[in-house]
Amino acid sequence: MNKHSKKEDWIAIVTGTFLVAQGVFFLQTGHLLTGGTAGLALLVGQLSGLEFGPLYFLLNCPFYLLAWRRFGARFAINSVISGGLVAIFSDNLTRFISVNNIDPTYCAISGGLLMGLGMLILFRHHASLGGFNVLCLYIQDKMGISVGKVQLAIDACILLTSFFFTSPKLIALSVLGAFILNIVLAMNHKPTRYQVNYDKRAKVNRSNQQA
């Protein structure tokens, strides 16, 4: 399995973060929440009126250090860049797009799908959004539990906490969006599915070279 080139990685990071930002836009439009540091930033933003981007990036900062220590400089730097791009894209999308009438259910489904797909692309190119994504990848690396399952458990806790700050209907739709996001990750990012396998000829050639 050939590694992605640096050019492919950078294109993937821009693509993945743009998709995540689109998902955040739909959640904001529907006044919905999600899990992880994105959900915390959305919740704090709704209560305080502060912009999503700076809140999101600041909440992720401690996890970038964990990413550096556990997964190395490349992964950490890619994650910092990815988190910064999501913050920038999310706060500036309204300059280019506005929605006057949209159903919150559609926002939940679209937001969950887009964020899940964007995060999946980042994971495949040695990056993440920081935050609980790093913790989930760490648990997957150490314990073999898929990212989606761990993320779903964390997101459930955050959404249950937000029950005290928003309506039951919006909470239910937020849970739907978080569920869809994590289903995308759970079905497409399993720790044992994507492995490098060599055919017998390659193994023989490598053994001869070493001899």
C-alpha atoms as a PDB file:
ATOM      1  CA  MET A   1       0.000   0.000   0.000  1.00  0.00           C
ATOM      2  CA  ASN A   2       1.633   3.227  -1.143  1.00  0.00           C
ATOM      3  CA  LYS A   3       1.604   6.197   1.187  1.00  0.00           C
ATOM      4  CA  HIS A   4      -0.185   9.355   0.163  1.00  0.00           C
ATOM      5  CA  SER A   5       2.034  12.075  -1.217  1.00  0.00           C
ATOM      6  CA  LYS A   6       2.340  15.393   0.586  1.00  0.00           C
ATOM      7  CA  LYS A   7       0.298  17.014  -2.164  1.00  0.00           C
ATOM      8  CA  GLU A   8      -2.489  14.485  -1.677  1.00  0.00           C
ATOM      9  CA  ASP A   9      -2.365  15.026   2.095  1.00  0.00           C
ATOM     10  CA  TRP A  10      -2.729  18.786   1.783  1.00  0.00           C
ATOM     11  CA  ILE A  11      -5.575  18.514  -0.708  1.00  0.00           C
ATOM     12  CA  ALA A  12      -7.297  16.019   1.602  1.00  0.00           C
ATOM     13  CA  ILE A  13      -6.856  18.297   4.637  1.00  0.00           C
ATOM     14  CA  VAL A  14      -8.427  21.244   2.824  1.00  0.00           C
ATOM     15  CA  THR A  15     -11.239  19.026   1.494  1.00  0.00           C
ATOM     16  CA  GLY A  16     -11.918  17.359   4.845  1.00  0.00           C
ATOM     17  CA  THR A  17     -11.943  20.587   6.838  1.00  0.00           C
ATOM     18  CA  PHE A  18     -14.207  22.260   4.281  1.00  0.00           C
ATOM     19  CA  LEU A  19     -16.711  19.402   4.584  1.00  0.00           C
ATOM     20  CA  VAL A  20     -16.603  19.607   8.386  1.00  0.00           C
ATOM     21  CA  ALA A  21     -17.165  23.368   8.237  1.00  0.00           C
ATOM     22  CA  GLN A  22     -20.173  22.798   5.969  1.00  0.00           C
ATOM     23  CA  GLY A  23     -21.531  20.379   8.560  1.00  0.00           C
ATOM     24  CA  VAL A  24     -21.013  22.940  11.328  1.00  0.00           C
ATOM     25  CA  PHE A  25     -22.840  25.512   9.184  1.00  0.00           C
ATOM     26  CA  PHE A  26     -25.911  23.279   8.930  1.00  0.00           C
ATOM     27  CA  LEU A  27     -25.879  22.620  12.678  1.00  0.00           C
ATOM     28  CA  GLN A  28     -25.608  26.338  13.419  1.00  0.00           C
ATOM     29  CA  THR A  29     -28.410  27.116  10.958  1.00  0.00           C
ATOM     30  CA  GLY A  30     -30.693  24.618  12.677  1.00  0.00           C
ATOM     31  CA  HIS A  31     -29.587  25.797  16.169  1.00  0.00           C
ATOM     32  CA  LEU A  32     -28.397  22.258  16.824  1.00  0.00           C
ATOM     33  CA  LEU A  33     -25.486  20.844  18.774  1.00  0.00           C
ATOM     34  CA  THR A  34     -23.143  17.918  18.388  1.00  0.00           C
ATOM     35  CA  GLY A  35     -20.584  16.078  20.476  1.00  0.00           C
ATOM     36  CA  GLY A  36     -16.889  16.643  21.027  1.00  0.00           C
ATOM     37  CA  THR A  37     -15.208  20.013  21.254  1.00  0.00           C
ATOM     38  CA  ALA A  38     -17.327  21.188  18.298  1.00  0.00           C
ATOM     39  CA  GLY A  39     -20.438  20.561  20.388  1.00  0.00           C
ATOM     40  CA  LEU A  40     -18.956  22.385  23.367  1.00  0.00           C
ATOM     41  CA  ALA A  41     -18.013  25.340  21.167  1.00  0.00           C
ATOM     42  CA  LEU A  42     -21.508  25.447  19.638  1.00  0.00           C
ATOM     43  CA  LEU A  43     -23.120  25.292  23.074  1.00  0.00           C
ATOM     44  CA  VAL A  44     -20.893  28.001  24.578  1.00  0.00           C
ATOM     45  CA  GLY A  45     -21.384  30.095  21.462  1.00  0.00           C
ATOM     46  CA  GLN A  46     -25.177  29.872  21.711  1.00  0.00           C
ATOM     47  CA  LEU A  47     -25.101  30.841  25.394  1.00  0.00           C
ATOM     48  CA  SER A  48     -22.500  33.620  25.129  1.00  0.00           C
ATOM     49  CA  GLY A  49     -22.857  34.928  21.591  1.00  0.00           C
ATOM     50  CA  LEU A  50     -19.147  34.369  20.891  1.00  0.00           C
ATOM     51  CA  GLU A  51     -18.004  33.141  17.488  1.00  0.00           C
ATOM     52  CA  PHE A  52     -17.571  29.425  16.960  1.00  0.00           C
ATOM     53  CA  GLY A  53     -14.080  29.521  15.432  1.00  0.00           C
ATOM     54  CA  PRO A  54     -11.993  30.945  18.302  1.00  0.00           C
ATOM     55  CA  LEU A  55     -13.879  28.885  20.883  1.00  0.00           C
ATOM     56  CA  TYR A  56     -13.373  25.708  18.895  1.00  0.00           C
ATOM     57  CA  PHE A  57      -9.656  26.244  18.394  1.00  0.00           C
ATOM     58  CA  LEU A  58      -9.005  27.129  22.045  1.00  0.00           C
ATOM     59  CA  LEU A  59     -10.894  24.086  23.328  1.00  0.00           C
ATOM     60  CA  ASN A  60      -8.761  21.879  21.077  1.00  0.00           C
ATOM     61  CA  CYS A  61      -5.388  23.258  22.156  1.00  0.00           C
ATOM     62  CA  PRO A  62      -4.751  20.830  25.064  1.00  0.00           C
ATOM     63  CA  PHE A  63      -5.476  17.885  22.784  1.00  0.00           C
ATOM     64  CA  TYR A  64      -2.931  19.035  20.220  1.00  0.00           C
ATOM     65  CA  LEU A  65      -0.268  18.506  22.885  1.00  0.00           C
ATOM     66  CA  LEU A  66      -1.568  14.973  23.463  1.00  0.00           C
ATOM     67  CA  ALA A  67      -1.441  14.387  19.710  1.00  0.00           C
ATOM     68  CA  TRP A  68       2.195  15.550  19.616  1.00  0.00           C
ATOM     69  CA  ARG A  69       3.260  13.312  22.490  1.00  0.00           C
ATOM     70  CA  ARG A  70       1.365  10.201  21.389  1.00  0.00           C
ATOM     71  CA  PHE A  71       1.281  10.321  17.574  1.00  0.00           C
ATOM     72  CA  GLY A  72       4.251  12.510  16.698  1.00  0.00           C
ATOM     73  CA  ALA A  73       4.950  15.930  15.252  1.00  0.00           C
ATOM     74  CA  ARG A  74       3.494  15.302  11.786  1.00  0.00           C
ATOM     75  CA  PHE A  75       0.105  14.214  13.089  1.00  0.00           C
ATOM     76  CA  ALA A  76      -0.016  17.053  15.624  1.00  0.00           C
ATOM     77  CA  ILE A  77       0.916  19.730  13.092  1.00  0.00           C
ATOM     78  CA  ASN A  78      -1.628  18.397  10.590  1.00  0.00           C
ATOM     79  CA  SER A  79      -4.245  18.438  13.346  1.00  0.00           C
ATOM     80  CA  VAL A  80      -3.454  22.022  14.369  1.00  0.00           C
ATOM     81  CA  ILE A  81      -3.737  23.110  10.741  1.00  0.00           C
ATOM     82  CA  SER A  82      -6.983  21.157  10.312  1.00  0.00           C
ATOM     83  CA  GLY A  83      -8.517  22.654  13.448  1.00  0.00           C
ATOM     84  CA  GLY A  84      -7.489  26.141  12.360  1.00  0.00           C
ATOM     85  CA  LEU A  85      -8.979  25.684   8.900  1.00  0.00           C
ATOM     86  CA  VAL A  86     -12.291  24.454  10.332  1.00  0.00           C
ATOM     87  CA  ALA A  87     -12.391  27.502  12.614  1.00  0.00           C
ATOM     88  CA  ILE A  88     -11.696  29.871   9.710  1.00  0.00           C
ATOM     89  CA  PHE A  89     -14.044  28.187   7.236  1.00  0.00           C
ATOM     90  CA  SER A  90     -16.894  27.938   9.756  1.00  0.00           C
ATOM     91  CA  ASP A  91     -16.814  31.613  10.691  1.00  0.00           C
ATOM     92  CA  ASN A  92     -16.640  32.813   7.079  1.00  0.00           C
ATOM     93  CA  LEU A  93     -19.106  30.581   5.231  1.00  0.00           C
ATOM     94  CA  THR A  94     -21.909  33.066   5.883  1.00  0.00           C
ATOM     95  CA  ARG A  95     -20.077  35.498   3.594  1.00  0.00           C
ATOM     96  CA  PHE A  96     -20.855  33.182   0.683  1.00  0.00           C
ATOM     97  CA  ILE A  97     -24.040  31.339   1.621  1.00  0.00           C
ATOM     98  CA  SER A  98     -27.243  32.072   3.528  1.00  0.00           C
ATOM     99  CA  VAL A  99     -30.327  29.984   4.186  1.00  0.00           C
ATOM    100  CA  ASN A 100     -33.689  31.601   4.891  1.00  0.00           C
ATOM    101  CA  ASN A 101     -35.778  28.479   5.397  1.00  0.00           C
ATOM    102  CA  ILE A 102     -34.481  24.998   6.191  1.00  0.00           C
ATOM    103  CA  ASP A 103     -35.876  22.128   8.238  1.00  0.00           C
ATOM    104  CA  PRO A 104     -33.859  21.315  11.401  1.00  0.00           C
ATOM    105  CA  THR A 105     -34.120  17.599  10.611  1.00  0.00           C
ATOM    106  CA  TYR A 106     -32.340  18.200   7.304  1.00  0.00           C
ATOM    107  CA  CYS A 107     -29.716  20.225   9.188  1.00  0.00           C
ATOM    108  CA  ALA A 108     -29.132  17.321  11.578  1.00  0.00           C
ATOM    109  CA  ILE A 109     -28.777  14.742   8.795  1.00  0.00           C
ATOM    110  CA  SER A 110     -26.635  16.910   6.511  1.00  0.00           C
ATOM    111  CA  GLY A 111     -24.500  18.204   9.379  1.00  0.00           C
ATOM    112  CA  GLY A 112     -23.796  14.710  10.685  1.00  0.00           C
ATOM    113  CA  LEU A 113     -22.989  13.281   7.267  1.00  0.00           C
ATOM    114  CA  LEU A 114     -20.707  16.126   6.213  1.00  0.00           C
ATOM    115  CA  MET A 115     -18.803  16.222   9.487  1.00  0.00           C
ATOM    116  CA  GLY A 116     -18.392  12.441   9.493  1.00  0.00           C
ATOM    117  CA  LEU A 117     -17.123  12.359   5.912  1.00  0.00           C
ATOM    118  CA  GLY A 118     -14.746  15.250   6.546  1.00  0.00           C
ATOM    119  CA  MET A 119     -13.306  13.626   9.661  1.00  0.00           C
ATOM    120  CA  LEU A 120     -12.943  10.317   7.830  1.00  0.00           C
ATOM    121  CA  ILE A 121     -10.886  11.991   5.103  1.00  0.00           C
ATOM    122  CA  LEU A 122      -8.630  13.585   7.712  1.00  0.00           C
ATOM    123  CA  PHE A 123      -8.094  10.286   9.539  1.00  0.00           C
ATOM    124  CA  ARG A 124      -7.036   8.627   6.274  1.00  0.00           C
ATOM    125  CA  HIS A 125      -4.421  11.319   5.720  1.00  0.00           C
ATOM    126  CA  HIS A 126      -2.732  11.269   9.123  1.00  0.00           C
ATOM    127  CA  ALA A 127      -4.649  14.172  10.631  1.00  0.00           C
ATOM    128  CA  SER A 128      -7.578  14.888  12.912  1.00  0.00           C
ATOM    129  CA  LEU A 129      -9.492  17.846  14.278  1.00  0.00           C
ATOM    130  CA  GLY A 130      -7.851  17.575  17.657  1.00  0.00           C
ATOM    131  CA  GLY A 131     -10.145  17.470  20.659  1.00  0.00           C
ATOM    132  CA  PHE A 132     -11.769  14.179  21.515  1.00  0.00           C
ATOM    133  CA  ASN A 133     -10.819  12.842  18.067  1.00  0.00           C
ATOM    134  CA  VAL A 134      -7.267  12.488  19.345  1.00  0.00           C
ATOM    135  CA  LEU A 135      -8.462  10.728  22.484  1.00  0.00           C
ATOM    136  CA  CYS A 136     -10.597   8.372  20.387  1.00  0.00           C
ATOM    137  CA  LEU A 137      -7.690   7.563  18.078  1.00  0.00           C
ATOM    138  CA  TYR A 138      -5.505   6.943  21.129  1.00  0.00           C
ATOM    139  CA  ILE A 139      -8.060   4.503  22.577  1.00  0.00           C
ATOM    140  CA  GLN A 140      -8.370   2.766  19.196  1.00  0.00           C
ATOM    141  CA  ASP A 141      -4.596   2.494  18.973  1.00  0.00           C
ATOM    142  CA  LYS A 142      -4.233   1.069  22.493  1.00  0.00           C
ATOM    143  CA  MET A 143      -7.427  -0.971  22.918  1.00  0.00           C
ATOM    144  CA  GLY A 144      -8.677  -1.704  19.383  1.00  0.00           C
ATOM    145  CA  ILE A 145     -12.060  -0.034  19.951  1.00  0.00           C
ATOM    146  CA  SER A 146     -13.221   1.799  16.817  1.00  0.00           C
ATOM    147  CA  VAL A 147     -13.164   5.585  16.737  1.00  0.00           C
ATOM    148  CA  GLY A 148     -16.889   5.790  16.014  1.00  0.00           C
ATOM    149  CA  LYS A 149     -17.928   3.812  19.083  1.00  0.00           C
ATOM    150  CA  VAL A 150     -15.763   5.815  21.484  1.00  0.00           C
ATOM    151  CA  GLN A 151     -16.801   9.101  19.913  1.00  0.00           C
ATOM    152  CA  LEU A 152     -20.468   8.113  20.166  1.00  0.00           C
ATOM    153  CA  ALA A 153     -20.136   7.484  23.913  1.00  0.00           C
ATOM    154  CA  ILE A 154     -18.438  10.855  24.488  1.00  0.00           C
ATOM    155  CA  ASP A 155     -20.944  12.684  22.306  1.00  0.00           C
ATOM    156  CA  ALA A 156     -23.849  11.119  24.202  1.00  0.00           C
ATOM    157  CA  CYS A 157     -22.494  12.499  27.476  1.00  0.00           C
ATOM    158  CA  ILE A 158     -22.096  16.004  26.045  1.00  0.00           C
ATOM    159  CA  LEU A 159     -25.574  16.028  24.501  1.00  0.00           C
ATOM    160  CA  LEU A 160     -27.157  14.807  27.720  1.00  0.00           C
ATOM    161  CA  THR A 161     -25.473  17.684  29.548  1.00  0.00           C
ATOM    162  CA  SER A 162     -26.842  20.191  27.015  1.00  0.00           C
ATOM    163  CA  PHE A 163     -30.382  19.019  27.870  1.00  0.00           C
ATOM    164  CA  PHE A 164     -30.423  21.738  30.539  1.00  0.00           C
ATOM    165  CA  PHE A 165     -29.769  24.514  28.008  1.00  0.00           C
ATOM    166  CA  THR A 166     -31.958  23.785  24.985  1.00  0.00           C
ATOM    167  CA  SER A 167     -35.317  22.275  24.011  1.00  0.00           C
ATOM    168  CA  PRO A 168     -35.954  18.495  23.946  1.00  0.00           C
ATOM    169  CA  LYS A 169     -36.756  18.641  20.212  1.00  0.00           C
ATOM    170  CA  LEU A 170     -33.430  20.250  19.342  1.00  0.00           C
ATOM    171  CA  ILE A 171     -31.636  17.815  21.642  1.00  0.00           C
ATOM    172  CA  ALA A 172     -33.300  14.887  19.846  1.00  0.00           C
ATOM    173  CA  LEU A 173     -32.265  16.245  16.439  1.00  0.00           C
ATOM    174  CA  SER A 174     -28.753  16.919  17.738  1.00  0.00           C
ATOM    175  CA  VAL A 175     -28.544  13.302  18.890  1.00  0.00           C
ATOM    176  CA  LEU A 176     -29.649  12.215  15.408  1.00  0.00           C
ATOM    177  CA  GLY A 177     -26.883  14.268  13.806  1.00  0.00           C
ATOM    178  CA  ALA A 178     -24.234  12.965  16.229  1.00  0.00           C
ATOM    179  CA  PHE A 179     -25.447   9.406  15.659  1.00  0.00           C
ATOM    180  CA  ILE A 180     -25.136   9.769  11.878  1.00  0.00           C
ATOM    181  CA  LEU A 181     -21.658  11.301  12.230  1.00  0.00           C
ATOM    182  CA  ASN A 182     -20.421   8.434  14.353  1.00  0.00           C
ATOM    183  CA  ILE A 183     -22.067   5.758  12.203  1.00  0.00           C
ATOM    184  CA  VAL A 184     -20.061   7.115   9.263  1.00  0.00           C
ATOM    185  CA  LEU A 185     -16.862   6.763  11.304  1.00  0.00           C
ATOM    186  CA  ALA A 186     -17.739   3.405  12.848  1.00  0.00           C
ATOM    187  CA  MET A 187     -18.535   1.812   9.473  1.00  0.00           C
ATOM    188  CA  ASN A 188     -15.577   3.258   7.594  1.00  0.00           C
ATOM    189  CA  HIS A 189     -12.708   3.580  10.064  1.00  0.00           C
ATOM    190  CA  LYS A 190     -12.208   0.219  11.755  1.00  0.00           C
ATOM    191  CA  PRO A 191      -8.736  -0.501  13.178  1.00  0.00           C
ATOM    192  CA  THR A 192      -8.412  -3.965  11.619  1.00  0.00           C
ATOM    193  CA  ARG A 193      -9.855  -3.289   8.178  1.00  0.00           C
ATOM    194  CA  TYR A 194      -7.170  -1.184   6.519  1.00  0.00           C
ATOM    195  CA  GLN A 195      -3.901  -3.049   6.746  1.00  0.00           C
ATOM    196  CA  VAL A 196      -0.859  -3.343   4.549  1.00  0.00           C
ATOM    197  CA  ASN A 197      -0.623  -6.843   3.049  1.00  0.00           C
ATOM    198  CA  TYR A 198       2.246  -8.107   0.907  1.00  0.00           C
ATOM    199  CA  ASP A 199       1.918 -10.949  -1.562  1.00  0.00           C
ATOM    200  CA  LYS A 200       4.211 -13.970  -1.345  1.00  0.00           C
ATOM    201  CA  ARG A 201       6.445 -12.783  -4.165  1.00  0.00           C
ATOM    202  CA  ALA A 202       7.126  -9.499  -2.376  1.00  0.00           C
ATOM    203  CA  LYS A 203       7.955 -11.343   0.836  1.00  0.00           C
ATOM    204  CA  VAL A 204      10.374 -13.677  -0.988  1.00  0.00           C
ATOM    205  CA  ASN A 205      12.082 -10.784  -2.750  1.00  0.00           C
ATOM    206  CA  ARG A 206      12.489  -8.873   0.490  1.00  0.00           C
ATOM    207  CA  SER A 207      13.924 -11.951   2.240  1.00  0.00           C
ATOM    208  CA  ASN A 208      16.432 -12.473  -0.613  1.00  0.00           C
ATOM    209  CA  GLN A 209      17.501  -8.854  -0.426  1.00  0.00           C
ATOM    210  CA  GLN A 210      18.077  -9.088   3.322  1.00  0.00           C
ATOM    211  CA  ALA A 211      20.071 -12.317   2.864  1.00  0.00           C
END
